Amino acid sequence: MSRIPAVTERSYNVHYYEVDIHKRALISSIIDYLGDMAMYQSEILGVGIEHLKENKMAWVLYKWDITMESYPLLNETIKVKTFAYSFRKFYAYRKHEIIDAEGNRIGYANSVWILINTDRRRPIRITKDMYGAYGIDDSNNTPIDIEDIISITTVDCEKSFQVRYSDIDTNMHVNNVKYVAWALETVPKDIVLNCELKNIKVTYEKETTYGEIIKVSTEIIREKDKTICRHKIINEESTELTLLESTWI
């Protein structure tokens, strides 16, 4: 008998501190909602933070692919839905939807996560209890394909940042949203003010830690109907930490 994936939904109100100058929710706020939903679902299914900690496990985010058709505005209430789509070895594939107050889909996202052993910091095969909790068939190993991000060839903008204590999450490494915020700080002002971010892809390759200095290098590709910004984040040893691609219209 096939299992039905558990779908979890939750409402979020867009607060003043979560919006930009146009009163639209920031993409970092949107990603916070999506990440919060992933953890919230795990908690209510009984495989949340404490369960992971007791079993020396943690979910590490590997990839995002987020598309926003429109953005919720200040004081609007949205609904975020999520479910685990499939598991494959140590990879977990998750889908997300963002629904406005009228029931219209305004955004959607795919994400890829890796289950690791926290002592060895190495990937481990997803356990049978995880399959059961999320309603995933043992035979369901179809991945969600998120295309690779093309590495930058030219540096048009560059900024450095120091990792702060407030950037660290419950897994004792930098929260994934911080990398997005750092990258978007390098997007030229005219793009940020006059365009809307429609899609962002992120690939997390290496962790960084408190106190380190990281550098974001960005290439700007201006096309007729859109602008593509490709971003690379490296540490002080020039190790590649994260690749991102943001598309603006």
Protein backbone atom coordinates (compact mmCIF):
# COMPACT_ATOMS: atom_id res chain seq x y z
CA MET A 1 0.00 0.00 0.00
CA SER A 2 1.48 3.31 -1.09
CA ARG A 3 1.94 6.09 1.41
CA ILE A 4 0.66 9.64 0.96
CA PRO A 5 3.24 12.35 1.68
CA ALA A 6 2.35 14.50 4.69
CA VAL A 7 1.43 18.05 3.64
CA THR A 8 1.77 20.77 6.27
CA GLU A 9 0.57 24.36 5.98
CA ARG A 10 0.83 27.43 8.16
CA SER A 11 -0.11 31.10 7.93
CA TYR A 12 2.36 33.99 8.13
CA ASN A 13 1.66 37.69 8.51
CA VAL A 14 4.08 39.98 6.70
CA HIS A 15 5.56 42.32 9.31
CA TYR A 16 7.08 45.77 8.85
CA TYR A 17 10.60 44.49 9.52
CA GLU A 18 10.21 41.89 6.74
CA VAL A 19 9.55 44.24 3.81
CA ASP A 20 11.54 46.42 1.40
CA ILE A 21 11.03 50.07 0.36
CA HIS A 22 8.08 49.00 -1.82
CA LYS A 23 6.39 47.31 1.17
CA ARG A 24 6.97 43.92 -0.48
CA ALA A 25 8.22 40.97 1.55
CA LEU A 26 11.97 40.59 1.17
CA ILE A 27 13.19 37.38 -0.47
CA SER A 28 15.12 36.71 2.75
CA SER A 29 11.79 36.85 4.61
CA ILE A 30 10.26 34.44 2.09
CA ILE A 31 13.15 32.02 2.57
CA ASP A 32 12.74 32.32 6.34
CA TYR A 33 9.09 31.24 5.95
CA LEU A 34 10.06 28.29 3.74
CA GLY A 35 12.82 27.12 6.07
CA ASP A 36 10.59 27.58 9.09
CA MET A 37 7.92 25.42 7.45
CA ALA A 38 10.39 22.61 6.81
CA MET A 39 11.39 22.56 10.47
CA TYR A 40 7.80 23.07 11.69
CA GLN A 41 6.64 20.05 9.72
CA SER A 42 9.46 17.95 11.15
CA GLU A 43 8.48 19.03 14.66
CA ILE A 44 4.80 18.14 14.33
CA LEU A 45 5.68 14.79 12.72
CA GLY A 46 7.87 13.92 15.72
CA VAL A 47 11.24 14.08 13.94
CA GLY A 48 12.22 17.64 14.86
CA ILE A 49 15.25 19.19 16.52
CA GLU A 50 15.23 17.07 19.69
CA HIS A 51 14.76 13.82 17.76
CA LEU A 52 17.63 14.75 15.46
CA LYS A 53 19.85 15.78 18.37
CA GLU A 54 19.22 12.53 20.26
CA ASN A 55 20.18 10.55 17.17
CA LYS A 56 23.19 12.76 16.34
CA MET A 57 21.63 13.82 13.06
CA ALA A 58 20.93 17.12 11.30
CA TRP A 59 19.41 18.26 8.02
CA VAL A 60 21.76 20.45 6.00
CA LEU A 61 20.35 22.51 3.15
CA TYR A 62 22.06 21.83 -0.18
CA LYS A 63 20.01 23.65 -2.85
CA TRP A 64 17.19 26.17 -3.28
CA ASP A 65 15.22 27.00 -6.43
CA ILE A 66 12.64 29.67 -5.58
CA THR A 67 10.27 31.42 -7.98
CA MET A 68 8.07 34.35 -6.95
CA GLU A 69 5.20 35.27 -9.30
CA SER A 70 4.28 38.18 -7.03
CA TYR A 71 5.18 39.27 -3.52
CA PRO A 72 2.94 39.65 -0.47
CA LEU A 73 2.78 43.16 0.91
CA LEU A 74 3.02 44.61 4.42
CA ASN A 75 0.32 43.23 6.76
CA GLU A 76 -0.87 40.64 4.25
CA THR A 77 -1.39 37.08 5.47
CA ILE A 78 -0.08 34.25 3.33
CA LYS A 79 -0.22 30.49 3.63
CA VAL A 80 2.88 28.35 3.11
CA LYS A 81 2.54 24.66 2.27
CA THR A 82 5.28 22.04 2.18
CA PHE A 83 5.79 18.31 1.81
CA ALA A 84 8.70 15.92 1.43
CA TYR A 85 8.62 14.84 -2.22
CA SER A 86 11.10 11.95 -2.16
CA PHE A 87 14.22 10.53 -0.52
CA ARG A 88 17.31 9.16 -2.25
CA LYS A 89 20.16 7.76 -0.16
CA PHE A 90 21.07 10.76 2.05
CA TYR A 91 19.22 13.34 -0.10
CA ALA A 92 15.74 14.65 0.72
CA TYR A 93 13.71 16.56 -1.88
CA ARG A 94 11.07 19.01 -0.67
CA LYS A 95 8.41 21.11 -2.40
CA HIS A 96 6.88 24.36 -1.15
CA GLU A 97 4.01 26.63 -2.23
CA ILE A 98 3.05 30.16 -1.15
CA ILE A 99 -0.64 31.07 -1.35
CA ASP A 100 -2.15 34.55 -0.91
CA ALA A 101 -5.32 35.45 1.02
CA GLU A 102 -7.45 34.93 -2.13
CA GLY A 103 -6.12 31.41 -2.60
CA ASN A 104 -3.81 32.26 -5.52
CA ARG A 105 -0.38 30.71 -5.77
CA ILE A 106 2.15 33.55 -5.72
CA GLY A 107 5.34 31.55 -5.27
CA TYR A 108 6.78 28.06 -5.26
CA ALA A 109 10.10 26.44 -4.42
CA ASN A 110 12.05 23.21 -4.55
CA SER A 111 14.80 22.37 -2.10
CA VAL A 112 17.34 19.61 -1.58
CA TRP A 113 18.57 18.62 1.89
CA ILE A 114 21.26 16.24 3.11
CA LEU A 115 21.01 14.19 6.32
CA ILE A 116 24.32 14.20 8.19
CA ASN A 117 25.79 12.63 11.30
CA THR A 118 26.64 15.57 13.57
CA ASP A 119 29.67 13.89 15.16
CA ARG A 120 31.39 13.04 11.89
CA ARG A 121 29.79 15.86 9.85
CA ARG A 122 29.29 13.30 7.10
CA PRO A 123 26.16 12.31 5.13
CA ILE A 124 24.21 9.29 6.34
CA ARG A 125 21.47 7.24 4.68
CA ILE A 126 17.97 8.46 5.52
CA THR A 127 16.49 6.23 8.21
CA LYS A 128 13.32 4.14 7.95
CA ASP A 129 11.56 6.19 10.63
CA MET A 130 12.04 9.28 8.44
CA TYR A 131 10.31 7.54 5.53
CA GLY A 132 7.41 6.67 7.82
CA ALA A 133 7.14 10.09 9.45
CA TYR A 134 7.03 12.00 6.17
CA GLY A 135 4.84 9.47 4.36
CA ILE A 136 7.44 8.57 1.73
CA ASP A 137 7.42 5.18 -0.01
CA ASP A 138 10.67 3.23 0.26
CA SER A 139 10.59 2.95 -3.53
CA ASN A 140 10.18 6.71 -4.09
CA ASN A 141 13.68 7.87 -4.98
CA THR A 142 12.88 10.26 -7.86
CA PRO A 143 15.01 13.39 -7.44
CA ILE A 144 13.96 16.97 -8.09
CA ASP A 145 16.35 18.32 -10.69
CA ILE A 146 17.71 21.76 -9.84
CA GLU A 147 20.11 22.82 -12.56
CA ASP A 148 23.69 23.67 -11.71
CA ILE A 149 24.62 27.33 -11.34
CA ILE A 150 27.12 28.63 -13.88
CA SER A 151 30.22 30.00 -12.18
CA ILE A 152 31.02 33.66 -12.73
CA THR A 153 33.51 34.69 -15.42
CA THR A 154 33.70 38.43 -14.65
CA VAL A 155 33.58 40.30 -11.35
CA ASP A 156 31.39 43.41 -11.63
CA CYS A 157 30.72 43.92 -7.90
CA GLU A 158 32.43 42.68 -4.76
CA LYS A 159 31.90 43.00 -1.01
CA SER A 160 33.30 41.39 2.13
CA PHE A 161 31.44 40.52 5.33
CA GLN A 162 32.42 39.19 8.76
CA VAL A 163 30.35 36.32 10.14
CA ARG A 164 28.58 37.48 13.30
CA TYR A 165 27.34 35.47 16.27
CA SER A 166 23.75 36.30 15.23
CA ASP A 167 24.38 34.57 11.86
CA ILE A 168 24.75 31.16 13.56
CA ASP A 169 21.83 28.67 13.71
CA THR A 170 20.92 25.63 15.84
CA ASN A 171 23.39 23.44 13.91
CA MET A 172 26.23 25.81 14.93
CA HIS A 173 26.90 26.99 11.40
CA VAL A 174 25.76 30.03 9.42
CA ASN A 175 22.03 30.15 8.73
CA ASN A 176 21.38 29.55 5.03
CA VAL A 177 19.43 32.80 4.60
CA LYS A 178 22.53 34.84 5.50
CA TYR A 179 24.33 33.74 2.33
CA VAL A 180 21.42 35.04 0.25
CA ALA A 181 21.41 38.36 2.10
CA TRP A 182 25.17 38.76 1.58
CA ALA A 183 24.89 38.00 -2.14
CA LEU A 184 22.03 40.42 -2.72
CA GLU A 185 24.01 43.21 -1.05
CA THR A 186 26.21 43.18 -4.17
CA VAL A 187 23.35 43.73 -6.65
CA PRO A 188 23.54 47.27 -8.11
CA LYS A 189 21.12 49.78 -6.63
CA ASP A 190 19.33 50.47 -9.94
CA ILE A 191 18.38 46.80 -10.25
CA VAL A 192 17.16 46.52 -6.67
CA LEU A 193 15.06 49.71 -6.95
CA ASN A 194 13.59 49.21 -10.41
CA CYS A 195 13.28 45.45 -10.86
CA GLU A 196 11.64 42.54 -9.07
CA LEU A 197 13.52 39.41 -8.07
CA LYS A 198 11.66 36.59 -9.81
CA ASN A 199 13.88 33.58 -9.23
CA ILE A 200 16.81 32.68 -7.05
CA LYS A 201 18.85 29.50 -7.08
CA VAL A 202 21.37 28.65 -4.38
CA THR A 203 23.89 25.83 -4.02
CA TYR A 204 25.57 25.50 -0.63
CA GLU A 205 28.96 23.82 -0.93
CA LYS A 206 30.93 24.45 2.26
CA GLU A 207 30.18 25.82 5.73
CA THR A 208 31.64 28.94 7.26
CA THR A 209 31.98 29.76 10.94
CA TYR A 210 31.77 32.61 13.42
CA GLY A 211 34.39 35.34 12.97
CA GLU A 212 35.45 34.40 9.45
CA ILE A 213 35.65 36.99 6.68
CA ILE A 214 33.76 36.00 3.55
CA LYS A 215 33.78 37.69 0.13
CA VAL A 216 30.96 37.90 -2.41
CA SER A 217 31.85 38.37 -6.08
CA THR A 218 29.03 39.10 -8.53
CA GLU A 219 28.69 39.13 -12.30
CA ILE A 220 25.88 41.23 -13.84
CA ILE A 221 24.38 39.98 -17.13
CA ARG A 222 21.91 42.52 -18.54
CA GLU A 223 19.59 41.07 -21.18
CA LYS A 224 16.71 42.67 -23.06
CA ASP A 225 13.90 41.39 -20.83
CA LYS A 226 15.76 40.49 -17.62
CA THR A 227 18.95 40.85 -15.63
CA ILE A 228 20.80 37.83 -14.29
CA CYS A 229 23.21 38.19 -11.39
CA ARG A 230 25.58 35.33 -10.65
CA HIS A 231 27.22 35.31 -7.24
CA LYS A 232 30.11 33.40 -5.69
CA ILE A 233 30.91 33.41 -1.97
CA ILE A 234 34.39 32.42 -0.81
CA ASN A 235 36.23 32.41 2.53
CA GLU A 236 39.66 33.79 3.43
CA GLU A 237 41.35 30.68 1.97
CA SER A 238 39.46 31.25 -1.34
CA THR A 239 37.40 28.11 -0.72
CA GLU A 240 34.10 28.29 -2.60
CA LEU A 241 31.26 28.28 -0.06
CA THR A 242 28.12 29.09 -2.03
CA LEU A 243 26.99 29.78 -5.59
CA LEU A 244 23.84 31.78 -6.31
CA GLU A 245 21.95 33.05 -9.33
CA SER A 246 19.28 35.74 -9.08
CA THR A 247 17.00 36.72 -11.97
CA TRP A 248 15.42 40.21 -12.00
CA ILE A 249 12.63 41.52 -14.23
